[in-house]
Amino acid sequence: MTKNRISELSTIGVDIGKDVFHLVGFDANGTLVLRKKVKGLSLVPTFEKLPRCIVGMEACLSAHFVSRTFV
């Protein structure tokens, strides 16, 4: 996953955990360009460094708790 490929990022999937989030990003062709594990408090700074893209996030029972905790 090189920085050149990150600029092609079009979609990111976020798997929400209590302390760690897993990010998986794809370009417009569906090719994997990003796979990263980040701590909860570094999620916003991580997204600030990435290009604009579509973000898909799971909606489970703990998602409401997590959204109020880290944002």
Protein backbone atom coordinates (compact mmCIF):
# COMPACT_ATOMS: atom_id res chain seq x y z
CA MET A 1 0.00 0.00 0.00
CA THR A 2 2.01 2.96 -1.26
CA LYS A 3 1.17 6.63 -0.96
CA ASN A 4 0.54 6.73 -4.73
CA ARG A 5 -2.19 4.14 -4.32
CA ILE A 6 -3.75 5.99 -1.37
CA SER A 7 -4.45 8.95 -3.67
CA GLU A 8 -6.69 6.60 -5.71
CA LEU A 9 -8.81 5.71 -2.66
CA SER A 10 -12.54 5.88 -3.37
CA THR A 11 -14.21 3.74 -0.67
CA ILE A 12 -13.31 2.81 2.92
CA GLY A 13 -14.97 0.24 5.14
CA VAL A 14 -14.66 0.76 8.90
CA ASP A 15 -15.02 -2.11 11.34
CA ILE A 16 -15.82 -0.58 14.72
CA GLY A 17 -14.28 -2.05 17.82
CA LYS A 18 -14.18 -0.81 21.39
CA ASP A 19 -10.52 0.29 21.30
CA VAL A 20 -9.29 -0.45 17.77
CA PHE A 21 -10.84 0.25 14.36
CA HIS A 22 -9.94 -1.66 11.22
CA LEU A 23 -9.94 0.30 7.95
CA VAL A 24 -10.04 -1.32 4.52
CA GLY A 25 -9.90 0.94 1.45
CA PHE A 26 -10.46 0.30 -2.24
CA ASP A 27 -9.94 2.27 -5.44
CA ALA A 28 -12.65 2.77 -8.08
CA ASN A 29 -11.84 -0.63 -9.64
CA GLY A 30 -12.25 -2.48 -6.33
CA THR A 31 -8.53 -3.04 -5.81
CA LEU A 32 -7.35 -3.03 -2.21
CA VAL A 33 -5.23 0.09 -1.57
CA LEU A 34 -5.42 0.44 2.23
CA ARG A 35 -5.54 -1.90 5.19
CA LYS A 36 -4.91 -0.28 8.55
CA LYS A 37 -5.64 -0.77 12.24
CA VAL A 38 -6.03 2.44 14.28
CA LYS A 39 -6.74 3.24 17.91
CA GLY A 40 -10.05 4.99 18.60
CA LEU A 41 -8.60 8.40 19.39
CA SER A 42 -6.49 8.46 16.22
CA LEU A 43 -9.43 7.74 13.89
CA VAL A 44 -10.17 11.40 13.09
CA PRO A 45 -6.51 12.34 12.47
CA THR A 46 -6.17 9.29 10.21
CA PHE A 47 -9.16 10.34 8.09
CA GLU A 48 -7.85 13.92 7.91
CA LYS A 49 -4.78 12.58 6.05
CA LEU A 50 -6.82 10.55 3.53
CA PRO A 51 -8.49 11.86 0.36
CA ARG A 52 -12.25 12.38 0.31
CA CYS A 53 -14.09 9.11 -0.26
CA ILE A 54 -17.19 7.12 0.59
CA VAL A 55 -17.08 5.63 4.09
CA GLY A 56 -19.11 2.57 5.02
CA MET A 57 -19.49 1.78 8.70
CA GLU A 58 -21.23 -1.03 10.49
CA ALA A 59 -24.22 -0.22 12.65
CA CYS A 60 -24.32 -2.58 15.60
CA LEU A 61 -25.48 -2.14 19.18
CA SER A 62 -22.08 -0.88 20.33
CA ALA A 63 -21.74 1.62 17.45
CA HIS A 64 -23.89 4.20 19.25
CA PHE A 65 -21.72 3.91 22.38
CA VAL A 66 -18.50 4.17 20.38
CA SER A 67 -19.68 7.21 18.40
CA ARG A 68 -20.38 9.12 21.61
CA THR A 69 -17.11 8.03 23.22
CA PHE A 70 -14.54 9.01 20.57
CA VAL A 71 -16.05 11.95 18.72
